[in-house]
Amino acid sequence: MTRRKSSALVLFDIDGTLLRRAGPHHRDALADAVRAVTGLDTTTDHIPVHGMLDTDILARMLCDAGESGAFVERHLPAIMQRAQAIYVRRCPDLRTKTCPGVRRVLYGLKRRGVPVGLVTGNLKRIGWKKMERSGLRPYFRFGAFAGAAPDRAALAREAIQHAREQRWIDRDARISLIGDAPSDILAARANGIQAIGVYTGISTREELAALEPDLLLEDLRGLTIGMLI
């Protein structure tokens, strides 16, 4: 049976958009992976991680520890692999950490057969583990994660291309990217798709409003399915 193409595609960021107050486990996994692979004691405390890709965070941690670009390039793959393994073992129950309105929106999209994906700075296994432990995994068909592209705009581009190649969406499908960081809005703008900002994360309403997203919401309780399809 051939699946009918959808007239919409909705892409979500994870941290601050789908989940919040998920604990220190993610940051700790990055630092512990650096230590396990290189012996270096590093931290994310001084890094503005909001909206950053895990790969960039790890590179910054190593550079701030005085290491060279060549050192980063040599060790980053092993660190990424170790960080994911650590997080998968430690990830807590996240079912109570979903942002307001998330489950209602995802359920509504699923009922209408709209493909839903992730565009996130999380490494792949970390992102999917968060979805699994929050109970949101069944809603997501696919994802674009840190390590697959150099920045968030390129990740969004890959996600859109994948949905088209899989013939999940019409050529003129309405595509939206929902996120809580300036980088999410900029990524949507770079791809010519609908930018939806929610200030459920660290960024303030004023910071997001300055980038003029198509929609700016306090949280996803203010989002209707009609705004997406």
C-alpha atoms as a PDB file:
ATOM      1  CA  MET A   1       0.000   0.000   0.000  1.00  0.00           C
ATOM      2  CA  THR A   2       1.431   3.387  -1.025  1.00  0.00           C
ATOM      3  CA  ARG A   3       1.397   6.000   1.697  1.00  0.00           C
ATOM      4  CA  ARG A   4      -0.228   9.252   0.637  1.00  0.00           C
ATOM      5  CA  LYS A   5       2.108  12.230   0.625  1.00  0.00           C
ATOM      6  CA  SER A   6       1.565  14.825   3.311  1.00  0.00           C
ATOM      7  CA  SER A   7       1.024  18.508   2.640  1.00  0.00           C
ATOM      8  CA  ALA A   8       3.034  19.362   5.755  1.00  0.00           C
ATOM      9  CA  LEU A   9       6.257  18.489   7.586  1.00  0.00           C
ATOM     10  CA  VAL A  10       7.019  19.574  11.143  1.00  0.00           C
ATOM     11  CA  LEU A  11      10.520  19.591  12.621  1.00  0.00           C
ATOM     12  CA  PHE A  12      11.251  20.000  16.331  1.00  0.00           C
ATOM     13  CA  ASP A  13      14.248  20.925  18.437  1.00  0.00           C
ATOM     14  CA  ILE A  14      14.544  18.886  21.651  1.00  0.00           C
ATOM     15  CA  ASP A  15      16.020  20.762  24.620  1.00  0.00           C
ATOM     16  CA  GLY A  16      13.883  23.682  25.729  1.00  0.00           C
ATOM     17  CA  THR A  17      11.285  22.887  23.068  1.00  0.00           C
ATOM     18  CA  LEU A  18      10.091  19.340  23.708  1.00  0.00           C
ATOM     19  CA  LEU A  19      11.821  18.813  27.072  1.00  0.00           C
ATOM     20  CA  ARG A  20      13.108  21.041  29.852  1.00  0.00           C
ATOM     21  CA  ARG A  21      14.804  20.576  33.208  1.00  0.00           C
ATOM     22  CA  ALA A  22      16.079  17.197  32.063  1.00  0.00           C
ATOM     23  CA  GLY A  23      18.986  17.224  34.534  1.00  0.00           C
ATOM     24  CA  PRO A  24      22.784  17.415  34.244  1.00  0.00           C
ATOM     25  CA  HIS A  25      23.195  14.002  32.643  1.00  0.00           C
ATOM     26  CA  HIS A  26      23.808  15.295  29.115  1.00  0.00           C
ATOM     27  CA  ARG A  27      26.489  17.816  30.075  1.00  0.00           C
ATOM     28  CA  ASP A  28      28.093  15.319  32.428  1.00  0.00           C
ATOM     29  CA  ALA A  29      28.251  12.709  29.654  1.00  0.00           C
ATOM     30  CA  LEU A  30      30.186  15.130  27.439  1.00  0.00           C
ATOM     31  CA  ALA A  31      32.708  15.972  30.158  1.00  0.00           C
ATOM     32  CA  ASP A  32      33.105  12.355  31.233  1.00  0.00           C
ATOM     33  CA  ALA A  33      33.637  11.267  27.625  1.00  0.00           C
ATOM     34  CA  VAL A  34      36.396  13.850  27.149  1.00  0.00           C
ATOM     35  CA  ARG A  35      38.077  12.603  30.318  1.00  0.00           C
ATOM     36  CA  ALA A  36      37.740   8.941  29.338  1.00  0.00           C
ATOM     37  CA  VAL A  37      39.231   9.433  25.880  1.00  0.00           C
ATOM     38  CA  THR A  38      41.845  12.134  26.487  1.00  0.00           C
ATOM     39  CA  GLY A  39      42.419  12.311  30.246  1.00  0.00           C
ATOM     40  CA  LEU A  40      41.484  16.013  30.236  1.00  0.00           C
ATOM     41  CA  ASP A  41      39.251  17.527  32.915  1.00  0.00           C
ATOM     42  CA  THR A  42      36.903  19.902  31.115  1.00  0.00           C
ATOM     43  CA  THR A  43      33.545  21.534  31.751  1.00  0.00           C
ATOM     44  CA  THR A  44      30.678  23.168  29.903  1.00  0.00           C
ATOM     45  CA  ASP A  45      30.102  25.693  32.693  1.00  0.00           C
ATOM     46  CA  HIS A  46      31.654  28.611  30.776  1.00  0.00           C
ATOM     47  CA  ILE A  47      30.187  27.687  27.378  1.00  0.00           C
ATOM     48  CA  PRO A  48      26.871  29.182  26.141  1.00  0.00           C
ATOM     49  CA  VAL A  49      25.583  25.755  25.116  1.00  0.00           C
ATOM     50  CA  HIS A  50      22.015  26.883  24.362  1.00  0.00           C
ATOM     51  CA  GLY A  51      21.359  26.239  20.701  1.00  0.00           C
ATOM     52  CA  MET A  52      24.815  24.768  20.079  1.00  0.00           C
ATOM     53  CA  LEU A  53      25.545  21.403  18.492  1.00  0.00           C
ATOM     54  CA  ASP A  54      27.139  18.778  20.742  1.00  0.00           C
ATOM     55  CA  THR A  55      30.030  18.536  18.294  1.00  0.00           C
ATOM     56  CA  ASP A  56      30.739  22.265  18.645  1.00  0.00           C
ATOM     57  CA  ILE A  57      30.426  22.089  22.423  1.00  0.00           C
ATOM     58  CA  LEU A  58      32.964  19.266  22.588  1.00  0.00           C
ATOM     59  CA  ALA A  59      35.354  21.081  20.261  1.00  0.00           C
ATOM     60  CA  ARG A  60      35.082  24.216  22.396  1.00  0.00           C
ATOM     61  CA  MET A  61      35.743  22.218  25.571  1.00  0.00           C
ATOM     62  CA  LEU A  62      38.933  20.832  24.081  1.00  0.00           C
ATOM     63  CA  CYS A  63      40.108  24.144  22.651  1.00  0.00           C
ATOM     64  CA  ASP A  64      39.479  25.894  25.968  1.00  0.00           C
ATOM     65  CA  ALA A  65      41.630  23.215  27.590  1.00  0.00           C
ATOM     66  CA  GLY A  66      44.465  24.383  25.331  1.00  0.00           C
ATOM     67  CA  GLU A  67      44.331  21.677  22.696  1.00  0.00           C
ATOM     68  CA  SER A  68      44.897  22.281  18.988  1.00  0.00           C
ATOM     69  CA  GLY A  69      42.491  21.899  16.114  1.00  0.00           C
ATOM     70  CA  ALA A  70      44.386  18.820  15.018  1.00  0.00           C
ATOM     71  CA  PHE A  71      43.933  17.304  18.488  1.00  0.00           C
ATOM     72  CA  VAL A  72      40.200  18.007  18.339  1.00  0.00           C
ATOM     73  CA  GLU A  73      39.880  16.449  14.894  1.00  0.00           C
ATOM     74  CA  ARG A  74      41.801  13.358  15.968  1.00  0.00           C
ATOM     75  CA  HIS A  75      39.874  12.652  19.161  1.00  0.00           C
ATOM     76  CA  LEU A  76      36.382  13.995  18.482  1.00  0.00           C
ATOM     77  CA  PRO A  77      34.950  10.835  16.860  1.00  0.00           C
ATOM     78  CA  ALA A  78      35.923   8.664  19.836  1.00  0.00           C
ATOM     79  CA  ILE A  79      34.640  11.264  22.302  1.00  0.00           C
ATOM     80  CA  MET A  80      31.304  11.477  20.495  1.00  0.00           C
ATOM     81  CA  GLN A  81      30.944   7.705  20.589  1.00  0.00           C
ATOM     82  CA  ARG A  82      31.815   7.525  24.279  1.00  0.00           C
ATOM     83  CA  ALA A  83      29.500  10.414  25.239  1.00  0.00           C
ATOM     84  CA  GLN A  84      26.553   8.671  23.614  1.00  0.00           C
ATOM     85  CA  ALA A  85      27.294   5.386  25.340  1.00  0.00           C
ATOM     86  CA  ILE A  86      27.554   7.147  28.708  1.00  0.00           C
ATOM     87  CA  TYR A  87      24.310   9.068  28.281  1.00  0.00           C
ATOM     88  CA  VAL A  88      22.336   6.043  27.124  1.00  0.00           C
ATOM     89  CA  ARG A  89      23.312   4.269  30.354  1.00  0.00           C
ATOM     90  CA  ARG A  90      22.510   7.219  32.614  1.00  0.00           C
ATOM     91  CA  CYS A  91      19.474   8.886  31.070  1.00  0.00           C
ATOM     92  CA  PRO A  92      16.758   9.318  33.712  1.00  0.00           C
ATOM     93  CA  ASP A  93      13.002   8.973  33.331  1.00  0.00           C
ATOM     94  CA  LEU A  94      11.930  12.079  31.402  1.00  0.00           C
ATOM     95  CA  ARG A  95       8.196  11.512  31.176  1.00  0.00           C
ATOM     96  CA  THR A  96       7.480  14.455  33.499  1.00  0.00           C
ATOM     97  CA  LYS A  97       9.914  16.776  31.699  1.00  0.00           C
ATOM     98  CA  THR A  98       7.910  17.494  28.546  1.00  0.00           C
ATOM     99  CA  CYS A  99       7.093  21.136  27.864  1.00  0.00           C
ATOM    100  CA  PRO A 100       3.462  22.282  28.041  1.00  0.00           C
ATOM    101  CA  GLY A 101       1.362  21.376  25.019  1.00  0.00           C
ATOM    102  CA  VAL A 102       3.909  19.006  23.467  1.00  0.00           C
ATOM    103  CA  ARG A 103       1.942  15.777  23.702  1.00  0.00           C
ATOM    104  CA  ARG A 104      -1.259  17.374  22.403  1.00  0.00           C
ATOM    105  CA  VAL A 105       0.473  18.818  19.326  1.00  0.00           C
ATOM    106  CA  LEU A 106       2.335  15.601  18.541  1.00  0.00           C
ATOM    107  CA  TYR A 107      -0.828  13.536  18.934  1.00  0.00           C
ATOM    108  CA  GLY A 108      -2.720  15.879  16.615  1.00  0.00           C
ATOM    109  CA  LEU A 109      -0.022  15.656  13.952  1.00  0.00           C
ATOM    110  CA  LYS A 110       0.124  11.873  14.191  1.00  0.00           C
ATOM    111  CA  ARG A 111      -3.649  11.579  13.779  1.00  0.00           C
ATOM    112  CA  ARG A 112      -3.445  13.597  10.576  1.00  0.00           C
ATOM    113  CA  GLY A 113      -0.548  11.580   9.189  1.00  0.00           C
ATOM    114  CA  VAL A 114       1.858  14.526   9.179  1.00  0.00           C
ATOM    115  CA  PRO A 115       5.503  13.367   9.255  1.00  0.00           C
ATOM    116  CA  VAL A 116       7.359  14.721  12.260  1.00  0.00           C
ATOM    117  CA  GLY A 117      11.130  14.853  12.693  1.00  0.00           C
ATOM    118  CA  LEU A 118      13.869  16.138  14.946  1.00  0.00           C
ATOM    119  CA  VAL A 119      16.417  18.817  14.102  1.00  0.00           C
ATOM    120  CA  THR A 120      18.617  18.950  17.155  1.00  0.00           C
ATOM    121  CA  GLY A 121      22.082  19.718  18.434  1.00  0.00           C
ATOM    122  CA  ASN A 122      22.049  16.421  20.344  1.00  0.00           C
ATOM    123  CA  LEU A 123      24.173  13.543  19.156  1.00  0.00           C
ATOM    124  CA  LYS A 124      22.006  10.855  17.590  1.00  0.00           C
ATOM    125  CA  ARG A 125      21.877   8.249  20.359  1.00  0.00           C
ATOM    126  CA  ILE A 126      21.455  10.952  23.001  1.00  0.00           C
ATOM    127  CA  GLY A 127      18.548  12.527  21.132  1.00  0.00           C
ATOM    128  CA  TRP A 128      16.730   9.272  20.552  1.00  0.00           C
ATOM    129  CA  LYS A 129      17.289   8.158  24.154  1.00  0.00           C
ATOM    130  CA  LYS A 130      15.655  11.358  25.373  1.00  0.00           C
ATOM    131  CA  MET A 131      12.681  10.678  23.130  1.00  0.00           C
ATOM    132  CA  GLU A 132      12.467   7.100  24.373  1.00  0.00           C
ATOM    133  CA  ARG A 133      12.680   8.024  28.060  1.00  0.00           C
ATOM    134  CA  SER A 134      10.144  10.846  27.691  1.00  0.00           C
ATOM    135  CA  GLY A 135       7.631   8.615  25.911  1.00  0.00           C
ATOM    136  CA  LEU A 136       7.747  10.758  22.765  1.00  0.00           C
ATOM    137  CA  ARG A 137       9.616   8.326  20.506  1.00  0.00           C
ATOM    138  CA  PRO A 138       6.535   6.922  18.692  1.00  0.00           C
ATOM    139  CA  TYR A 139       5.661  10.355  17.315  1.00  0.00           C
ATOM    140  CA  PHE A 140       8.930  10.857  15.419  1.00  0.00           C
ATOM    141  CA  ARG A 141       9.628   9.319  12.042  1.00  0.00           C
ATOM    142  CA  PHE A 142      13.225  10.504  11.672  1.00  0.00           C
ATOM    143  CA  GLY A 143      15.806  13.046  12.836  1.00  0.00           C
ATOM    144  CA  ALA A 144      18.853  15.123  11.932  1.00  0.00           C
ATOM    145  CA  PHE A 145      21.476  15.208  14.676  1.00  0.00           C
ATOM    146  CA  ALA A 146      24.819  16.776  15.598  1.00  0.00           C
ATOM    147  CA  GLY A 147      27.629  15.192  13.637  1.00  0.00           C
ATOM    148  CA  ALA A 148      25.575  14.846  10.451  1.00  0.00           C
ATOM    149  CA  ALA A 149      26.081  18.459   9.308  1.00  0.00           C
ATOM    150  CA  PRO A 150      28.201  21.460  10.323  1.00  0.00           C
ATOM    151  CA  ASP A 151      25.379  23.640  11.677  1.00  0.00           C
ATOM    152  CA  ARG A 152      21.678  23.679  12.486  1.00  0.00           C
ATOM    153  CA  ALA A 153      20.638  25.197   9.156  1.00  0.00           C
ATOM    154  CA  ALA A 154      22.379  22.355   7.334  1.00  0.00           C
ATOM    155  CA  LEU A 155      20.724  19.814   9.631  1.00  0.00           C
ATOM    156  CA  ALA A 156      17.315  21.248   8.776  1.00  0.00           C
ATOM    157  CA  ARG A 157      18.214  21.127   5.088  1.00  0.00           C
ATOM    158  CA  GLU A 158      19.156  17.454   5.401  1.00  0.00           C
ATOM    159  CA  ALA A 159      15.912  16.673   7.215  1.00  0.00           C
ATOM    160  CA  ILE A 160      13.832  18.350   4.514  1.00  0.00           C
ATOM    161  CA  GLN A 161      15.758  16.599   1.756  1.00  0.00           C
ATOM    162  CA  HIS A 162      15.318  13.239   3.467  1.00  0.00           C
ATOM    163  CA  ALA A 163      11.547  13.740   3.754  1.00  0.00           C
ATOM    164  CA  ARG A 164      11.373  14.604   0.055  1.00  0.00           C
ATOM    165  CA  GLU A 165      13.534  11.642  -0.968  1.00  0.00           C
ATOM    166  CA  GLN A 166      11.325   9.311   1.061  1.00  0.00           C
ATOM    167  CA  ARG A 167       8.312  10.794  -0.739  1.00  0.00           C
ATOM    168  CA  TRP A 168       6.656  11.603   2.554  1.00  0.00           C
ATOM    169  CA  ILE A 169       5.679  15.140   1.536  1.00  0.00           C
ATOM    170  CA  ASP A 170       4.322  16.987  -1.464  1.00  0.00           C
ATOM    171  CA  ARG A 171       6.636  19.239  -3.418  1.00  0.00           C
ATOM    172  CA  ASP A 172       4.767  22.268  -2.062  1.00  0.00           C
ATOM    173  CA  ALA A 173       4.375  20.957   1.481  1.00  0.00           C
ATOM    174  CA  ARG A 174       4.242  23.485   4.299  1.00  0.00           C
ATOM    175  CA  ILE A 175       7.347  22.917   6.418  1.00  0.00           C
ATOM    176  CA  SER A 176       7.809  24.267   9.936  1.00  0.00           C
ATOM    177  CA  LEU A 177      10.723  24.245  12.358  1.00  0.00           C
ATOM    178  CA  ILE A 178       9.850  24.716  16.023  1.00  0.00           C
ATOM    179  CA  GLY A 179      12.522  25.697  18.524  1.00  0.00           C
ATOM    180  CA  ASP A 180      13.372  27.753  21.562  1.00  0.00           C
ATOM    181  CA  ALA A 181      16.725  29.206  20.490  1.00  0.00           C
ATOM    182  CA  PRO A 182      17.760  31.926  18.040  1.00  0.00           C
ATOM    183  CA  SER A 183      19.643  29.257  16.073  1.00  0.00           C
ATOM    184  CA  ASP A 184      16.358  27.442  15.403  1.00  0.00           C
ATOM    185  CA  ILE A 185      14.767  30.555  13.938  1.00  0.00           C
ATOM    186  CA  LEU A 186      17.854  31.288  11.855  1.00  0.00           C
ATOM    187  CA  ALA A 187      17.917  27.697  10.585  1.00  0.00           C
ATOM    188  CA  ALA A 188      14.295  27.966   9.486  1.00  0.00           C
ATOM    189  CA  ARG A 189      14.985  31.289   7.768  1.00  0.00           C
ATOM    190  CA  ALA A 190      18.006  29.835   5.938  1.00  0.00           C
ATOM    191  CA  ASN A 191      15.778  27.111   4.491  1.00  0.00           C
ATOM    192  CA  GLY A 192      12.798  29.298   3.622  1.00  0.00           C
ATOM    193  CA  ILE A 193      10.437  27.454   5.968  1.00  0.00           C
ATOM    194  CA  GLN A 194       8.078  28.571   8.711  1.00  0.00           C
ATOM    195  CA  ALA A 195       9.968  29.600  11.860  1.00  0.00           C
ATOM    196  CA  ILE A 196       8.080  29.000  15.103  1.00  0.00           C
ATOM    197  CA  GLY A 197       9.687  30.176  18.324  1.00  0.00           C
ATOM    198  CA  VAL A 198       8.688  29.105  21.824  1.00  0.00           C
ATOM    199  CA  TYR A 199      10.180  30.673  24.913  1.00  0.00           C
ATOM    200  CA  THR A 200      10.048  27.549  27.053  1.00  0.00           C
ATOM    201  CA  GLY A 201      13.856  27.368  27.150  1.00  0.00           C
ATOM    202  CA  ILE A 202      16.581  29.827  28.117  1.00  0.00           C
ATOM    203  CA  SER A 203      15.950  32.473  25.466  1.00  0.00           C
ATOM    204  CA  THR A 204      13.560  35.251  26.426  1.00  0.00           C
ATOM    205  CA  ARG A 205      10.558  36.401  24.445  1.00  0.00           C
ATOM    206  CA  GLU A 206      12.432  39.579  23.538  1.00  0.00           C
ATOM    207  CA  GLU A 207      15.486  37.700  22.231  1.00  0.00           C
ATOM    208  CA  LEU A 208      13.363  35.526  19.976  1.00  0.00           C
ATOM    209  CA  ALA A 209      11.047  38.351  18.895  1.00  0.00           C
ATOM    210  CA  ALA A 210      14.060  40.332  17.659  1.00  0.00           C
ATOM    211  CA  LEU A 211      14.540  37.667  14.949  1.00  0.00           C
ATOM    212  CA  GLU A 212      10.926  38.022  13.796  1.00  0.00           C
ATOM    213  CA  PRO A 213       9.819  34.379  13.657  1.00  0.00           C
ATOM    214  CA  ASP A 214       6.595  33.663  11.792  1.00  0.00           C
ATOM    215  CA  LEU A 215       5.022  32.620  15.078  1.00  0.00           C
ATOM    216  CA  LEU A 216       6.187  33.308  18.622  1.00  0.00           C
ATOM    217  CA  LEU A 217       4.472  31.447  21.438  1.00  0.00           C
ATOM    218  CA  GLU A 218       4.802  31.223  25.191  1.00  0.00           C
ATOM    219  CA  ASP A 219       4.582  27.445  24.839  1.00  0.00           C
ATOM    220  CA  LEU A 220       3.041  24.853  22.552  1.00  0.00           C
ATOM    221  CA  ARG A 221      -0.365  25.148  24.219  1.00  0.00           C
ATOM    222  CA  GLY A 222      -0.798  28.146  21.943  1.00  0.00           C
ATOM    223  CA  LEU A 223      -0.099  26.163  18.777  1.00  0.00           C
ATOM    224  CA  THR A 224      -2.961  24.745  16.725  1.00  0.00           C
ATOM    225  CA  ILE A 225      -2.623  22.091  14.049  1.00  0.00           C
ATOM    226  CA  GLY A 226      -4.068  24.594  11.583  1.00  0.00           C
ATOM    227  CA  MET A 227      -0.943  26.721  12.001  1.00  0.00           C
ATOM    228  CA  LEU A 228       1.144  23.811  10.696  1.00  0.00           C
ATOM    229  CA  ILE A 229      -0.840  22.295   7.823  1.00  0.00           C
END
